[in-house]
């Protein structure tokens, strides 16, 4: 856990969730970039204030994501600080937000089908 976690207020926070992945044969062809960009556009169209992701620390910052710990947002399980990221879709949307994300049960039950 990050050093800032001790000062974070612990709140439950639930939002819709989704997985984004690209099969290896389609990676490095712009598919992932298109999926992320379109997902952010849809989130804005749906009037979301922000988006939180867990993923590669060198990939998501390309789209404007920053460490979620900057806003005292934490995962409900151990995860390296740099892997949990957030982006504000509205200016200062996360300024008064902090706490532990509550994932839906589906997050823990998913399976990969190939």
C-alpha atoms as a PDB file:
ATOM      1  CA  UNK A   1       0.000   0.000   0.000  1.00  0.00           C
ATOM      2  CA  UNK A   2       1.138   3.534  -0.636  1.00  0.00           C
ATOM      3  CA  UNK A   3       2.373   5.837   2.089  1.00  0.00           C
ATOM      4  CA  UNK A   4      -0.615   8.120   1.475  1.00  0.00           C
ATOM      5  CA  UNK A   5      -3.060   5.300   2.234  1.00  0.00           C
ATOM      6  CA  UNK A   6      -2.915   5.932   5.976  1.00  0.00           C
ATOM      7  CA  UNK A   7      -4.399   9.398   5.488  1.00  0.00           C
ATOM      8  CA  UNK A   8      -7.078   8.286   3.034  1.00  0.00           C
ATOM      9  CA  UNK A   9     -10.652   8.201   4.191  1.00  0.00           C
ATOM     10  CA  UNK A  10     -12.146   4.755   3.579  1.00  0.00           C
ATOM     11  CA  UNK A  11     -15.304   5.030   1.506  1.00  0.00           C
ATOM     12  CA  UNK A  12     -17.197   2.535  -0.611  1.00  0.00           C
ATOM     13  CA  UNK A  13     -17.348   3.597  -4.252  1.00  0.00           C
ATOM     14  CA  UNK A  14     -19.101   1.676  -6.983  1.00  0.00           C
ATOM     15  CA  UNK A  15     -19.229   2.356 -10.695  1.00  0.00           C
ATOM     16  CA  UNK A  16     -19.793   0.200 -13.780  1.00  0.00           C
ATOM     17  CA  UNK A  17     -16.761  -1.815 -14.816  1.00  0.00           C
ATOM     18  CA  UNK A  18     -15.461  -3.417 -17.969  1.00  0.00           C
ATOM     19  CA  UNK A  19     -12.435  -5.298 -19.213  1.00  0.00           C
ATOM     20  CA  UNK A  20     -10.439  -4.237 -22.229  1.00  0.00           C
ATOM     21  CA  UNK A  21      -7.901  -6.550 -23.765  1.00  0.00           C
ATOM     22  CA  UNK A  22      -6.479  -7.268 -27.188  1.00  0.00           C
ATOM     23  CA  UNK A  23      -5.492 -10.705 -28.439  1.00  0.00           C
ATOM     24  CA  UNK A  24      -1.735 -10.992 -29.056  1.00  0.00           C
ATOM     25  CA  UNK A  25      -2.144 -11.270 -32.854  1.00  0.00           C
ATOM     26  CA  UNK A  26      -3.840  -7.847 -32.889  1.00  0.00           C
ATOM     27  CA  UNK A  27      -1.534  -6.020 -30.482  1.00  0.00           C
ATOM     28  CA  UNK A  28       0.679  -3.146 -31.630  1.00  0.00           C
ATOM     29  CA  UNK A  29      -1.779  -2.291 -34.422  1.00  0.00           C
ATOM     30  CA  UNK A  30      -3.699   0.511 -32.709  1.00  0.00           C
ATOM     31  CA  UNK A  31      -6.623  -1.677 -31.612  1.00  0.00           C
ATOM     32  CA  UNK A  32      -6.073  -1.083 -27.885  1.00  0.00           C
ATOM     33  CA  UNK A  33      -5.585   2.636 -28.435  1.00  0.00           C
ATOM     34  CA  UNK A  34      -8.861   2.819 -30.362  1.00  0.00           C
ATOM     35  CA  UNK A  35     -10.688   0.883 -27.652  1.00  0.00           C
ATOM     36  CA  UNK A  36      -9.399   3.156 -24.877  1.00  0.00           C
ATOM     37  CA  UNK A  37     -10.074   6.366 -26.812  1.00  0.00           C
ATOM     38  CA  UNK A  38     -13.606   5.271 -27.734  1.00  0.00           C
ATOM     39  CA  UNK A  39     -14.283   4.113 -24.163  1.00  0.00           C
ATOM     40  CA  UNK A  40     -13.292   7.537 -22.845  1.00  0.00           C
ATOM     41  CA  UNK A  41     -15.511   9.223 -25.452  1.00  0.00           C
ATOM     42  CA  UNK A  42     -18.467   7.055 -24.407  1.00  0.00           C
ATOM     43  CA  UNK A  43     -17.790   7.758 -20.732  1.00  0.00           C
ATOM     44  CA  UNK A  44     -17.911  11.487 -21.494  1.00  0.00           C
ATOM     45  CA  UNK A  45     -21.126  11.059 -23.527  1.00  0.00           C
ATOM     46  CA  UNK A  46     -22.653   9.213 -20.544  1.00  0.00           C
ATOM     47  CA  UNK A  47     -21.658  12.162 -18.341  1.00  0.00           C
ATOM     48  CA  UNK A  48     -19.096  10.263 -16.256  1.00  0.00           C
ATOM     49  CA  UNK A  49     -16.908  12.488 -14.099  1.00  0.00           C
ATOM     50  CA  UNK A  50     -13.891  10.184 -14.182  1.00  0.00           C
ATOM     51  CA  UNK A  51     -12.588   6.755 -15.140  1.00  0.00           C
ATOM     52  CA  UNK A  52     -10.427   4.409 -13.081  1.00  0.00           C
ATOM     53  CA  UNK A  53      -8.339   1.620 -14.597  1.00  0.00           C
ATOM     54  CA  UNK A  54      -5.993  -1.057 -13.413  1.00  0.00           C
ATOM     55  CA  UNK A  55      -3.370  -1.778 -15.996  1.00  0.00           C
ATOM     56  CA  UNK A  56       0.075  -1.239 -17.415  1.00  0.00           C
ATOM     57  CA  UNK A  57       1.720   1.753 -15.807  1.00  0.00           C
ATOM     58  CA  UNK A  58       3.469   2.751 -19.028  1.00  0.00           C
ATOM     59  CA  UNK A  59       0.418   2.399 -21.289  1.00  0.00           C
ATOM     60  CA  UNK A  60      -2.479   4.277 -19.715  1.00  0.00           C
ATOM     61  CA  UNK A  61      -0.618   7.538 -18.950  1.00  0.00           C
ATOM     62  CA  UNK A  62      -0.500   8.051 -22.753  1.00  0.00           C
ATOM     63  CA  UNK A  63      -4.232   8.798 -22.483  1.00  0.00           C
ATOM     64  CA  UNK A  64      -3.904  11.123 -19.490  1.00  0.00           C
ATOM     65  CA  UNK A  65      -4.284   8.630 -16.647  1.00  0.00           C
ATOM     66  CA  UNK A  66      -2.417   9.320 -13.407  1.00  0.00           C
ATOM     67  CA  UNK A  67      -1.867   7.253 -10.274  1.00  0.00           C
ATOM     68  CA  UNK A  68      -5.199   6.939  -8.435  1.00  0.00           C
ATOM     69  CA  UNK A  69      -3.328   7.365  -5.166  1.00  0.00           C
ATOM     70  CA  UNK A  70      -2.987  11.058  -6.114  1.00  0.00           C
ATOM     71  CA  UNK A  71      -6.650  11.242  -5.043  1.00  0.00           C
ATOM     72  CA  UNK A  72      -6.380   8.654  -2.216  1.00  0.00           C
ATOM     73  CA  UNK A  73      -8.248   6.097  -4.331  1.00  0.00           C
ATOM     74  CA  UNK A  74      -7.296   2.502  -3.560  1.00  0.00           C
ATOM     75  CA  UNK A  75      -8.068  -0.996  -4.793  1.00  0.00           C
ATOM     76  CA  UNK A  76      -9.752  -3.400  -2.345  1.00  0.00           C
ATOM     77  CA  UNK A  77      -6.743  -5.742  -2.646  1.00  0.00           C
ATOM     78  CA  UNK A  78      -2.987  -5.395  -2.838  1.00  0.00           C
ATOM     79  CA  UNK A  79      -1.843  -3.933  -6.125  1.00  0.00           C
ATOM     80  CA  UNK A  80       1.285  -1.905  -6.935  1.00  0.00           C
ATOM     81  CA  UNK A  81       0.472   1.788  -6.669  1.00  0.00           C
ATOM     82  CA  UNK A  82       1.470   2.540 -10.266  1.00  0.00           C
ATOM     83  CA  UNK A  83      -1.046   0.035 -11.714  1.00  0.00           C
ATOM     84  CA  UNK A  84      -4.205   1.723 -10.375  1.00  0.00           C
ATOM     85  CA  UNK A  85      -4.841   4.914 -12.349  1.00  0.00           C
ATOM     86  CA  UNK A  86      -7.546   7.513 -12.840  1.00  0.00           C
ATOM     87  CA  UNK A  87      -8.427  10.274 -15.261  1.00  0.00           C
ATOM     88  CA  UNK A  88     -10.746  13.201 -14.676  1.00  0.00           C
ATOM     89  CA  UNK A  89     -13.196  13.725 -17.517  1.00  0.00           C
ATOM     90  CA  UNK A  90     -14.451  16.892 -15.824  1.00  0.00           C
ATOM     91  CA  UNK A  91     -12.101  19.420 -14.278  1.00  0.00           C
ATOM     92  CA  UNK A  92     -11.388  18.699 -10.596  1.00  0.00           C
ATOM     93  CA  UNK A  93     -13.883  15.805 -10.630  1.00  0.00           C
ATOM     94  CA  UNK A  94     -11.820  13.770  -8.180  1.00  0.00           C
ATOM     95  CA  UNK A  95     -10.747  16.569  -5.848  1.00  0.00           C
ATOM     96  CA  UNK A  96     -13.154  15.529  -3.089  1.00  0.00           C
ATOM     97  CA  UNK A  97     -13.057  11.812  -3.870  1.00  0.00           C
ATOM     98  CA  UNK A  98     -11.177   9.210  -1.884  1.00  0.00           C
ATOM     99  CA  UNK A  99     -11.648   5.673  -0.729  1.00  0.00           C
ATOM    100  CA  UNK A 100     -11.568   2.058  -1.706  1.00  0.00           C
ATOM    101  CA  UNK A 101     -13.098   0.913  -4.978  1.00  0.00           C
ATOM    102  CA  UNK A 102     -15.844  -1.688  -4.675  1.00  0.00           C
ATOM    103  CA  UNK A 103     -15.816  -3.997  -7.666  1.00  0.00           C
ATOM    104  CA  UNK A 104     -18.932  -5.882  -8.710  1.00  0.00           C
ATOM    105  CA  UNK A 105     -18.901  -9.657  -8.144  1.00  0.00           C
ATOM    106  CA  UNK A 106     -18.447 -10.141 -11.904  1.00  0.00           C
ATOM    107  CA  UNK A 107     -14.930  -8.695 -11.628  1.00  0.00           C
ATOM    108  CA  UNK A 108     -13.854 -11.627  -9.485  1.00  0.00           C
ATOM    109  CA  UNK A 109     -15.747 -14.260 -11.491  1.00  0.00           C
ATOM    110  CA  UNK A 110     -14.637 -13.477 -15.051  1.00  0.00           C
ATOM    111  CA  UNK A 111     -13.145 -16.107 -17.319  1.00  0.00           C
ATOM    112  CA  UNK A 112     -11.191 -15.813 -20.544  1.00  0.00           C
ATOM    113  CA  UNK A 113     -12.577 -17.692 -23.539  1.00  0.00           C
ATOM    114  CA  UNK A 114     -10.483 -18.293 -26.651  1.00  0.00           C
END
